[in-house]
Amino acid sequence: VFAEVFRVLKPGGVFIVSFSNRMFYDKAISAWRDTSDYGRIQLVVQYFQCVSGFTEPEVLRGMPRKQDDLSPLTWIKRLIGKLNSDPFYAVISYKNVRPIKD
């Protein structure tokens, strides 16, 4: 799948793989279901690294939030949201624009 995405991406195109810790256990591969969130991130990073030409993958955890809102109500909403929400991860890489020599 990653090789095919690389093939169809324009130079500089972005490929984003995002996920949480929710899954259909019977449909997930064992390498996915039998590891931790960190292990799943590393698995996606390895998939990118197996295709020559992608840039070094970047990992994002959680969702960006406004840093300038420090009100107590916002802080409490964020705390409650963290307790009630699934973790979010994204692994991002770009089709390298430099020629790759094999």
PDB file of N, CA and C in Angstrom:
ATOM      1  N   VAL A   1       0.828  -1.184   0.000  1.00  0.00           N
ATOM      2  CA  VAL A   1       0.000   0.000   0.000  1.00  0.00           C
ATOM      3  C   VAL A   1       0.878   1.255   0.000  1.00  0.00           C
ATOM      4  N   PHE A   2       1.921   1.267   0.842  1.00  0.00           N
ATOM      5  CA  PHE A   2       2.782   2.444   0.930  1.00  0.00           C
ATOM      6  C   PHE A   2       3.530   2.680  -0.378  1.00  0.00           C
ATOM      7  N   ALA A   3       3.965   1.613  -1.033  1.00  0.00           N
ATOM      8  CA  ALA A   3       4.656   1.759  -2.320  1.00  0.00           C
ATOM      9  C   ALA A   3       3.711   2.330  -3.374  1.00  0.00           C
ATOM     10  N   GLU A   4       2.466   1.910  -3.360  1.00  0.00           N
ATOM     11  CA  GLU A   4       1.497   2.421  -4.332  1.00  0.00           C
ATOM     12  C   GLU A   4       1.169   3.887  -4.052  1.00  0.00           C
ATOM     13  N   VAL A   5       1.027   4.246  -2.788  1.00  0.00           N
ATOM     14  CA  VAL A   5       0.795   5.655  -2.450  1.00  0.00           C
ATOM     15  C   VAL A   5       1.978   6.487  -2.920  1.00  0.00           C
ATOM     16  N   PHE A   6       3.193   5.996  -2.702  1.00  0.00           N
ATOM     17  CA  PHE A   6       4.383   6.721  -3.157  1.00  0.00           C
ATOM     18  C   PHE A   6       4.351   6.906  -4.672  1.00  0.00           C
ATOM     19  N   ARG A   7       3.954   5.869  -5.379  1.00  0.00           N
ATOM     20  CA  ARG A   7       3.934   5.924  -6.843  1.00  0.00           C
ATOM     21  C   ARG A   7       2.999   7.019  -7.354  1.00  0.00           C
ATOM     22  N   VAL A   8       1.834   7.170  -6.731  1.00  0.00           N
ATOM     23  CA  VAL A   8       0.845   8.117  -7.248  1.00  0.00           C
ATOM     24  C   VAL A   8       0.985   9.532  -6.682  1.00  0.00           C
ATOM     25  N   LEU A   9       1.780   9.707  -5.644  1.00  0.00           N
ATOM     26  CA  LEU A   9       1.967  11.047  -5.075  1.00  0.00           C
ATOM     27  C   LEU A   9       2.802  11.922  -5.995  1.00  0.00           C
ATOM     28  N   LYS A  10       2.454  13.195  -6.055  1.00  0.00           N
ATOM     29  CA  LYS A  10       3.288  14.164  -6.756  1.00  0.00           C
ATOM     30  C   LYS A  10       4.534  14.412  -5.907  1.00  0.00           C
ATOM     31  N   PRO A  11       5.644  14.844  -6.520  1.00  0.00           N
ATOM     32  CA  PRO A  11       6.816  15.215  -5.720  1.00  0.00           C
ATOM     33  C   PRO A  11       6.429  16.265  -4.674  1.00  0.00           C
ATOM     34  N   GLY A  12       6.822  16.013  -3.449  1.00  0.00           N
ATOM     35  CA  GLY A  12       6.464  16.901  -2.348  1.00  0.00           C
ATOM     36  C   GLY A  12       5.108  16.602  -1.741  1.00  0.00           C
ATOM     37  N   GLY A  13       4.372  15.629  -2.318  1.00  0.00           N
ATOM     38  CA  GLY A  13       3.052  15.260  -1.797  1.00  0.00           C
ATOM     39  C   GLY A  13       3.155  14.646  -0.412  1.00  0.00           C
ATOM     40  N   VAL A  14       2.112  14.809   0.375  1.00  0.00           N
ATOM     41  CA  VAL A  14       2.113  14.339   1.756  1.00  0.00           C
ATOM     42  C   VAL A  14       1.242  13.087   1.895  1.00  0.00           C
ATOM     43  N   PHE A  15       1.704  12.150   2.720  1.00  0.00           N
ATOM     44  CA  PHE A  15       0.953  10.943   3.069  1.00  0.00           C
ATOM     45  C   PHE A  15       0.811  10.954   4.588  1.00  0.00           C
ATOM     46  N   ILE A  16      -0.425  10.995   5.070  1.00  0.00           N
ATOM     47  CA  ILE A  16      -0.708  11.043   6.502  1.00  0.00           C
ATOM     48  C   ILE A  16      -1.448   9.774   6.893  1.00  0.00           C
ATOM     49  N   VAL A  17      -0.899   9.049   7.858  1.00  0.00           N
ATOM     50  CA  VAL A  17      -1.564   7.872   8.418  1.00  0.00           C
ATOM     51  C   VAL A  17      -1.960   8.251   9.841  1.00  0.00           C
ATOM     52  N   SER A  18      -3.265   8.321  10.108  1.00  0.00           N
ATOM     53  CA  SER A  18      -3.731   8.699  11.442  1.00  0.00           C
ATOM     54  C   SER A  18      -4.540   7.553  12.046  1.00  0.00           C
ATOM     55  N   PHE A  19      -4.475   7.470  13.378  1.00  0.00           N
ATOM     56  CA  PHE A  19      -5.168   6.381  14.069  1.00  0.00           C
ATOM     57  C   PHE A  19      -5.293   6.697  15.554  1.00  0.00           C
ATOM     58  N   SER A  20      -6.151   5.949  16.223  1.00  0.00           N
ATOM     59  CA  SER A  20      -6.271   6.003  17.681  1.00  0.00           C
ATOM     60  C   SER A  20      -6.001   4.585  18.190  1.00  0.00           C
ATOM     61  N   ASN A  21      -6.342   4.336  19.431  1.00  0.00           N
ATOM     62  CA  ASN A  21      -6.128   2.980  19.944  1.00  0.00           C
ATOM     63  C   ASN A  21      -7.370   2.100  19.806  1.00  0.00           C
ATOM     64  N   ARG A  22      -8.386   2.575  19.108  1.00  0.00           N
ATOM     65  CA  ARG A  22      -9.583   1.766  18.850  1.00  0.00           C
ATOM     66  C   ARG A  22      -9.348   0.875  17.635  1.00  0.00           C
ATOM     67  N   MET A  23      -9.906  -0.330  17.656  1.00  0.00           N
ATOM     68  CA  MET A  23      -9.757  -1.232  16.513  1.00  0.00           C
ATOM     69  C   MET A  23     -10.820  -2.316  16.569  1.00  0.00           C
ATOM     70  N   PHE A  24     -11.029  -2.961  15.439  1.00  0.00           N
ATOM     71  CA  PHE A  24     -11.798  -4.195  15.387  1.00  0.00           C
ATOM     72  C   PHE A  24     -10.777  -5.313  15.544  1.00  0.00           C
ATOM     73  N   TYR A  25     -10.742  -5.915  16.723  1.00  0.00           N
ATOM     74  CA  TYR A  25      -9.695  -6.870  17.073  1.00  0.00           C
ATOM     75  C   TYR A  25      -9.563  -7.980  16.031  1.00  0.00           C
ATOM     76  N   ASP A  26     -10.675  -8.520  15.566  1.00  0.00           N
ATOM     77  CA  ASP A  26     -10.630  -9.635  14.614  1.00  0.00           C
ATOM     78  C   ASP A  26     -10.121  -9.225  13.238  1.00  0.00           C
ATOM     79  N   LYS A  27     -10.163  -7.941  12.920  1.00  0.00           N
ATOM     80  CA  LYS A  27      -9.739  -7.477  11.597  1.00  0.00           C
ATOM     81  C   LYS A  27      -8.319  -6.929  11.584  1.00  0.00           C
ATOM     82  N   ALA A  28      -7.761  -6.642  12.749  1.00  0.00           N
ATOM     83  CA  ALA A  28      -6.407  -6.076  12.819  1.00  0.00           C
ATOM     84  C   ALA A  28      -5.364  -7.183  12.718  1.00  0.00           C
ATOM     85  N   ILE A  29      -4.236  -6.856  12.086  1.00  0.00           N
ATOM     86  CA  ILE A  29      -3.139  -7.823  12.030  1.00  0.00           C
ATOM     87  C   ILE A  29      -2.538  -7.963  13.425  1.00  0.00           C
ATOM     88  N   SER A  30      -1.929  -9.104  13.712  1.00  0.00           N
ATOM     89  CA  SER A  30      -1.401  -9.347  15.058  1.00  0.00           C
ATOM     90  C   SER A  30      -0.326  -8.336  15.445  1.00  0.00           C
ATOM     91  N   ALA A  31       0.473  -7.888  14.484  1.00  0.00           N
ATOM     92  CA  ALA A  31       1.507  -6.891  14.790  1.00  0.00           C
ATOM     93  C   ALA A  31       0.882  -5.590  15.286  1.00  0.00           C
ATOM     94  N   TRP A  32      -0.362  -5.323  14.911  1.00  0.00           N
ATOM     95  CA  TRP A  32      -1.062  -4.115  15.345  1.00  0.00           C
ATOM     96  C   TRP A  32      -1.746  -4.332  16.688  1.00  0.00           C
ATOM     97  N   ARG A  33      -2.479  -5.430  16.811  1.00  0.00           N
ATOM     98  CA  ARG A  33      -3.293  -5.618  18.013  1.00  0.00           C
ATOM     99  C   ARG A  33      -2.487  -6.089  19.219  1.00  0.00           C
ATOM    100  N   ASP A  34      -1.323  -6.689  18.990  1.00  0.00           N
ATOM    101  CA  ASP A  34      -0.553  -7.254  20.097  1.00  0.00           C
ATOM    102  C   ASP A  34       0.553  -6.334  20.592  1.00  0.00           C
ATOM    103  N   THR A  35       0.445  -5.044  20.316  1.00  0.00           N
ATOM    104  CA  THR A  35       1.480  -4.114  20.759  1.00  0.00           C
ATOM    105  C   THR A  35       0.836  -2.889  21.398  1.00  0.00           C
ATOM    106  N   SER A  36       1.659  -1.989  21.860  1.00  0.00           N
ATOM    107  CA  SER A  36       1.202  -0.751  22.509  1.00  0.00           C
ATOM    108  C   SER A  36       0.992   0.351  21.473  1.00  0.00           C
ATOM    109  N   ASP A  37       0.518   1.497  21.929  1.00  0.00           N
ATOM    110  CA  ASP A  37       0.386   2.649  21.033  1.00  0.00           C
ATOM    111  C   ASP A  37       1.749   3.007  20.439  1.00  0.00           C
ATOM    112  N   TYR A  38       2.788   2.998  21.275  1.00  0.00           N
ATOM    113  CA  TYR A  38       4.138   3.286  20.785  1.00  0.00           C
ATOM    114  C   TYR A  38       4.548   2.279  19.709  1.00  0.00           C
ATOM    115  N   GLY A  39       4.238   1.012  19.923  1.00  0.00           N
ATOM    116  CA  GLY A  39       4.555  -0.021  18.941  1.00  0.00           C
ATOM    117  C   GLY A  39       3.832   0.197  17.621  1.00  0.00           C
ATOM    118  N   ARG A  40       2.588   0.667  17.678  1.00  0.00           N
ATOM    119  CA  ARG A  40       1.834   0.956  16.448  1.00  0.00           C
ATOM    120  C   ARG A  40       2.449   2.133  15.700  1.00  0.00           C
ATOM    121  N   ILE A  41       2.872   3.144  16.443  1.00  0.00           N
ATOM    122  CA  ILE A  41       3.560   4.274  15.804  1.00  0.00           C
ATOM    123  C   ILE A  41       4.813   3.778  15.100  1.00  0.00           C
ATOM    124  N   GLN A  42       5.593   2.952  15.778  1.00  0.00           N
ATOM    125  CA  GLN A  42       6.830   2.444  15.190  1.00  0.00           C
ATOM    126  C   GLN A  42       6.560   1.563  13.974  1.00  0.00           C
ATOM    127  N   LEU A  43       5.471   0.815  13.994  1.00  0.00           N
ATOM    128  CA  LEU A  43       5.102  -0.015  12.847  1.00  0.00           C
ATOM    129  C   LEU A  43       4.823   0.857  11.623  1.00  0.00           C
ATOM    130  N   VAL A  44       4.069   1.933  11.800  1.00  0.00           N
ATOM    131  CA  VAL A  44       3.775   2.835  10.683  1.00  0.00           C
ATOM    132  C   VAL A  44       5.057   3.514  10.202  1.00  0.00           C
ATOM    133  N   VAL A  45       5.913   3.923  11.128  1.00  0.00           N
ATOM    134  CA  VAL A  45       7.203   4.521  10.751  1.00  0.00           C
ATOM    135  C   VAL A  45       8.002   3.528   9.906  1.00  0.00           C
ATOM    136  N   GLN A  46       8.026   2.256  10.303  1.00  0.00           N
ATOM    137  CA  GLN A  46       8.750   1.232   9.532  1.00  0.00           C
ATOM    138  C   GLN A  46       8.157   1.060   8.141  1.00  0.00           C
ATOM    139  N   TYR A  47       6.835   1.114   8.033  1.00  0.00           N
ATOM    140  CA  TYR A  47       6.214   1.018   6.709  1.00  0.00           C
ATOM    141  C   TYR A  47       6.710   2.136   5.800  1.00  0.00           C
ATOM    142  N   PHE A  48       6.784   3.358   6.318  1.00  0.00           N
ATOM    143  CA  PHE A  48       7.321   4.471   5.525  1.00  0.00           C
ATOM    144  C   PHE A  48       8.777   4.207   5.152  1.00  0.00           C
ATOM    145  N   GLN A  49       9.571   3.726   6.099  1.00  0.00           N
ATOM    146  CA  GLN A  49      10.997   3.521   5.864  1.00  0.00           C
ATOM    147  C   GLN A  49      11.275   2.390   4.883  1.00  0.00           C
ATOM    148  N   CYS A  50      10.320   1.514   4.673  1.00  0.00           N
ATOM    149  CA  CYS A  50      10.497   0.409   3.724  1.00  0.00           C
ATOM    150  C   CYS A  50      10.360   0.858   2.272  1.00  0.00           C
ATOM    151  N   VAL A  51       9.884   2.070   2.046  1.00  0.00           N
ATOM    152  CA  VAL A  51       9.725   2.592   0.689  1.00  0.00           C
ATOM    153  C   VAL A  51      10.749   3.703   0.495  1.00  0.00           C
ATOM    154  N   SER A  52      11.721   3.451  -0.358  1.00  0.00           N
ATOM    155  CA  SER A  52      12.754   4.442  -0.625  1.00  0.00           C
ATOM    156  C   SER A  52      12.137   5.663  -1.292  1.00  0.00           C
ATOM    157  N   GLY A  53      12.398   6.830  -0.731  1.00  0.00           N
ATOM    158  CA  GLY A  53      11.908   8.058  -1.334  1.00  0.00           C
ATOM    159  C   GLY A  53      11.003   8.880  -0.443  1.00  0.00           C
ATOM    160  N   PHE A  54      10.490   8.285   0.643  1.00  0.00           N
ATOM    161  CA  PHE A  54       9.730   9.080   1.601  1.00  0.00           C
ATOM    162  C   PHE A  54      10.709   9.802   2.525  1.00  0.00           C
ATOM    163  N   THR A  55      10.332  11.008   2.965  1.00  0.00           N
ATOM    164  CA  THR A  55      11.152  11.717   3.940  1.00  0.00           C
ATOM    165  C   THR A  55      11.056  11.015   5.290  1.00  0.00           C
ATOM    166  N   GLU A  56      11.918  11.409   6.217  1.00  0.00           N
ATOM    167  CA  GLU A  56      11.871  10.848   7.571  1.00  0.00           C
ATOM    168  C   GLU A  56      10.488  11.133   8.163  1.00  0.00           C
ATOM    169  N   PRO A  57       9.783  10.096   8.616  1.00  0.00           N
ATOM    170  CA  PRO A  57       8.426  10.301   9.137  1.00  0.00           C
ATOM    171  C   PRO A  57       8.412  11.189  10.384  1.00  0.00           C
ATOM    172  N   GLU A  58       7.383  12.025  10.474  1.00  0.00           N
ATOM    173  CA  GLU A  58       7.149  12.862  11.648  1.00  0.00           C
ATOM    174  C   GLU A  58       5.954  12.277  12.396  1.00  0.00           C
ATOM    175  N   VAL A  59       6.006  12.292  13.722  1.00  0.00           N
ATOM    176  CA  VAL A  59       4.928  11.733  14.535  1.00  0.00           C
ATOM    177  C   VAL A  59       4.249  12.854  15.307  1.00  0.00           C
ATOM    178  N   LEU A  60       2.920  12.895  15.222  1.00  0.00           N
ATOM    179  CA  LEU A  60       2.122  13.836  16.007  1.00  0.00           C
ATOM    180  C   LEU A  60       1.276  13.037  16.983  1.00  0.00           C
ATOM    181  N   ARG A  61       1.218  13.517  18.216  1.00  0.00           N
ATOM    182  CA  ARG A  61       0.395  12.877  19.241  1.00  0.00           C
ATOM    183  C   ARG A  61      -0.625  13.888  19.740  1.00  0.00           C
ATOM    184  N   GLY A  62      -1.875  13.481  19.845  1.00  0.00           N
ATOM    185  CA  GLY A  62      -2.911  14.382  20.330  1.00  0.00           C
ATOM    186  C   GLY A  62      -3.295  15.398  19.284  1.00  0.00           C
ATOM    187  N   MET A  63      -4.109  16.340  19.677  1.00  0.00           N
ATOM    188  CA  MET A  63      -4.577  17.389  18.776  1.00  0.00           C
ATOM    189  C   MET A  63      -3.999  18.724  19.222  1.00  0.00           C
ATOM    190  N   PRO A  64      -3.596  19.568  18.268  1.00  0.00           N
ATOM    191  CA  PRO A  64      -3.106  20.891  18.660  1.00  0.00           C
ATOM    192  C   PRO A  64      -4.202  21.698  19.348  1.00  0.00           C
ATOM    193  N   ARG A  65      -3.804  22.473  20.319  1.00  0.00           N
ATOM    194  CA  ARG A  65      -4.754  23.309  21.058  1.00  0.00           C
ATOM    195  C   ARG A  65      -4.226  24.731  21.133  1.00  0.00           C
ATOM    196  N   LYS A  66      -5.144  25.657  21.331  1.00  0.00           N
ATOM    197  CA  LYS A  66      -4.741  27.049  21.524  1.00  0.00           C
ATOM    198  C   LYS A  66      -3.960  27.147  22.829  1.00  0.00           C
ATOM    199  N   GLN A  67      -2.788  27.705  22.774  1.00  0.00           N
ATOM    200  CA  GLN A  67      -1.964  27.838  23.973  1.00  0.00           C
ATOM    201  C   GLN A  67      -2.267  29.126  24.738  1.00  0.00           C
ATOM    202  N   ASP A  68      -2.941  30.071  24.100  1.00  0.00           N
ATOM    203  CA  ASP A  68      -3.150  31.367  24.743  1.00  0.00           C
ATOM    204  C   ASP A  68      -4.377  31.402  25.654  1.00  0.00           C
ATOM    205  N   ASP A  69      -5.230  30.397  25.615  1.00  0.00           N
ATOM    206  CA  ASP A  69      -6.431  30.380  26.449  1.00  0.00           C
ATOM    207  C   ASP A  69      -6.123  29.627  27.738  1.00  0.00           C
ATOM    208  N   LEU A  70      -5.877  30.367  28.819  1.00  0.00           N
ATOM    209  CA  LEU A  70      -5.498  29.756  30.091  1.00  0.00           C
ATOM    210  C   LEU A  70      -6.595  29.865  31.144  1.00  0.00           C
ATOM    211  N   SER A  71      -7.821  30.115  30.734  1.00  0.00           N
ATOM    212  CA  SER A  71      -8.910  30.263  31.699  1.00  0.00           C
ATOM    213  C   SER A  71      -9.168  28.937  32.413  1.00  0.00           C
ATOM    214  N   PRO A  72      -9.605  29.004  33.680  1.00  0.00           N
ATOM    215  CA  PRO A  72      -9.877  27.768  34.429  1.00  0.00           C
ATOM    216  C   PRO A  72     -10.905  26.871  33.746  1.00  0.00           C
ATOM    217  N   LEU A  73     -11.937  27.466  33.148  1.00  0.00           N
ATOM    218  CA  LEU A  73     -12.962  26.666  32.483  1.00  0.00           C
ATOM    219  C   LEU A  73     -12.368  25.884  31.313  1.00  0.00           C
ATOM    220  N   THR A  74     -11.523  26.539  30.530  1.00  0.00           N
ATOM    221  CA  THR A  74     -10.874  25.862  29.405  1.00  0.00           C
ATOM    222  C   THR A  74      -9.970  24.749  29.912  1.00  0.00           C
ATOM    223  N   TRP A  75      -9.237  25.003  30.990  1.00  0.00           N
ATOM    224  CA  TRP A  75      -8.344  23.991  31.561  1.00  0.00           C
ATOM    225  C   TRP A  75      -9.148  22.770  32.002  1.00  0.00           C
ATOM    226  N   ILE A  76     -10.289  23.000  32.645  1.00  0.00           N
ATOM    227  CA  ILE A  76     -11.137  21.889  33.101  1.00  0.00           C
ATOM    228  C   ILE A  76     -11.702  21.121  31.907  1.00  0.00           C
ATOM    229  N   LYS A  77     -12.158  21.839  30.870  1.00  0.00           N
ATOM    230  CA  LYS A  77     -12.672  21.173  29.667  1.00  0.00           C
ATOM    231  C   LYS A  77     -11.593  20.302  29.029  1.00  0.00           C
ATOM    232  N   ARG A  78     -10.375  20.816  28.985  1.00  0.00           N
ATOM    233  CA  ARG A  78      -9.277  20.031  28.411  1.00  0.00           C
ATOM    234  C   ARG A  78      -9.012  18.787  29.240  1.00  0.00           C
ATOM    235  N   LEU A  79      -9.024  18.936  30.563  1.00  0.00           N
ATOM    236  CA  LEU A  79      -8.790  17.797  31.443  1.00  0.00           C
ATOM    237  C   LEU A  79      -9.878  16.745  31.252  1.00  0.00           C
ATOM    238  N   ILE A  80     -11.132  17.167  31.224  1.00  0.00           N
ATOM    239  CA  ILE A  80     -12.241  16.231  31.013  1.00  0.00           C
ATOM    240  C   ILE A  80     -12.133  15.592  29.630  1.00  0.00           C
ATOM    241  N   GLY A  81     -11.801  16.385  28.651  1.00  0.00           N
ATOM    242  CA  GLY A  81     -11.638  15.859  27.296  1.00  0.00           C
ATOM    243  C   GLY A  81     -10.556  14.809  27.223  1.00  0.00           C
ATOM    244  N   LYS A  82      -9.457  15.030  27.932  1.00  0.00           N
ATOM    245  CA  LYS A  82      -8.379  14.041  27.931  1.00  0.00           C
ATOM    246  C   LYS A  82      -8.835  12.748  28.592  1.00  0.00           C
ATOM    247  N   LEU A  83      -9.662  12.863  29.622  1.00  0.00           N
ATOM    248  CA  LEU A  83     -10.126  11.665  30.309  1.00  0.00           C
ATOM    249  C   LEU A  83     -11.137  10.888  29.473  1.00  0.00           C
ATOM    250  N   ASN A  84     -11.893  11.583  28.625  1.00  0.00           N
ATOM    251  CA  ASN A  84     -12.959  10.941  27.870  1.00  0.00           C
ATOM    252  C   ASN A  84     -12.625  10.663  26.415  1.00  0.00           C
ATOM    253  N   SER A  85     -11.476  11.073  25.949  1.00  0.00           N
ATOM    254  CA  SER A  85     -11.195  10.916  24.524  1.00  0.00           C
ATOM    255  C   SER A  85     -10.121   9.866  24.284  1.00  0.00           C
ATOM    256  N   ASP A  86     -10.160   9.320  23.091  1.00  0.00           N
ATOM    257  CA  ASP A  86      -9.137   8.365  22.686  1.00  0.00           C
ATOM    258  C   ASP A  86      -7.877   9.125  22.309  1.00  0.00           C
ATOM    259  N   PRO A  87      -6.717   8.508  22.509  1.00  0.00           N
ATOM    260  CA  PRO A  87      -5.494   9.158  22.032  1.00  0.00           C
ATOM    261  C   PRO A  87      -5.512   9.216  20.505  1.00  0.00           C
ATOM    262  N   PHE A  88      -4.888  10.225  19.951  1.00  0.00           N
ATOM    263  CA  PHE A  88      -4.833  10.411  18.502  1.00  0.00           C
ATOM    264  C   PHE A  88      -3.375  10.465  18.081  1.00  0.00           C
ATOM    265  N   TYR A  89      -3.053   9.748  17.012  1.00  0.00           N
ATOM    266  CA  TYR A  89      -1.690   9.734  16.483  1.00  0.00           C
ATOM    267  C   TYR A  89      -1.740   9.943  14.979  1.00  0.00           C
ATOM    268  N   ALA A  90      -0.720  10.601  14.464  1.00  0.00           N
ATOM    269  CA  ALA A  90      -0.573  10.750  13.018  1.00  0.00           C
ATOM    270  C   ALA A  90       0.905  10.606  12.689  1.00  0.00           C
ATOM    271  N   VAL A  91       1.187   9.837  11.656  1.00  0.00           N
ATOM    272  CA  VAL A  91       2.551   9.702  11.145  1.00  0.00           C
ATOM    273  C   VAL A  91       2.521  10.309   9.749  1.00  0.00           C
ATOM    274  N   ILE A  92       3.411  11.271   9.519  1.00  0.00           N
ATOM    275  CA  ILE A  92       3.384  12.079   8.301  1.00  0.00           C
ATOM    276  C   ILE A  92       4.725  11.978   7.589  1.00  0.00           C
ATOM    277  N   SER A  93       4.660  11.800   6.277  1.00  0.00           N
ATOM    278  CA  SER A  93       5.874  11.791   5.467  1.00  0.00           C
ATOM    279  C   SER A  93       5.539  12.381   4.101  1.00  0.00           C
ATOM    280  N   TYR A  94       6.565  12.836   3.416  1.00  0.00           N
ATOM    281  CA  TYR A  94       6.406  13.467   2.102  1.00  0.00           C
ATOM    282  C   TYR A  94       7.162  12.674   1.054  1.00  0.00           C
ATOM    283  N   LYS A  95       6.675  12.747  -0.170  1.00  0.00           N
ATOM    284  CA  LYS A  95       7.429  12.175  -1.281  1.00  0.00           C
ATOM    285  C   LYS A  95       8.614  13.096  -1.510  1.00  0.00           C
ATOM    286  N   ASN A  96       9.789  12.536  -1.355  1.00  0.00           N
ATOM    287  CA  ASN A  96      11.015  13.312  -1.464  1.00  0.00           C
ATOM    288  C   ASN A  96      11.132  13.911  -2.856  1.00  0.00           C
ATOM    289  N   VAL A  97      11.509  15.170  -2.937  1.00  0.00           N
ATOM    290  CA  VAL A  97      11.632  15.830  -4.235  1.00  0.00           C
ATOM    291  C   VAL A  97      13.025  15.666  -4.827  1.00  0.00           C
ATOM    292  N   ARG A  98      13.961  15.204  -4.017  1.00  0.00           N
ATOM    293  CA  ARG A  98      15.309  14.963  -4.539  1.00  0.00           C
ATOM    294  C   ARG A  98      15.355  13.596  -5.209  1.00  0.00           C
ATOM    295  N   PRO A  99      16.138  13.446  -6.287  1.00  0.00           N
ATOM    296  CA  PRO A  99      16.252  12.129  -6.919  1.00  0.00           C
ATOM    297  C   PRO A  99      16.883  11.123  -5.951  1.00  0.00           C
ATOM    298  N   ILE A 100      16.358   9.932  -5.941  1.00  0.00           N
ATOM    299  CA  ILE A 100      16.870   8.855  -5.101  1.00  0.00           C
ATOM    300  C   ILE A 100      17.737   7.955  -5.962  1.00  0.00           C
ATOM    301  N   LYS A 101      18.970   7.713  -5.515  1.00  0.00           N
ATOM    302  CA  LYS A 101      19.872   6.820  -6.251  1.00  0.00           C
ATOM    303  C   LYS A 101      19.841   5.451  -5.589  1.00  0.00           C
ATOM    304  N   ASP A 102      19.557   4.428  -6.390  1.00  0.00           N
ATOM    305  CA  ASP A 102      19.502   3.061  -5.845  1.00  0.00           C
ATOM    306  C   ASP A 102      20.850   2.394  -5.906  1.00  0.00           C
TER     307      ASP A 102
END
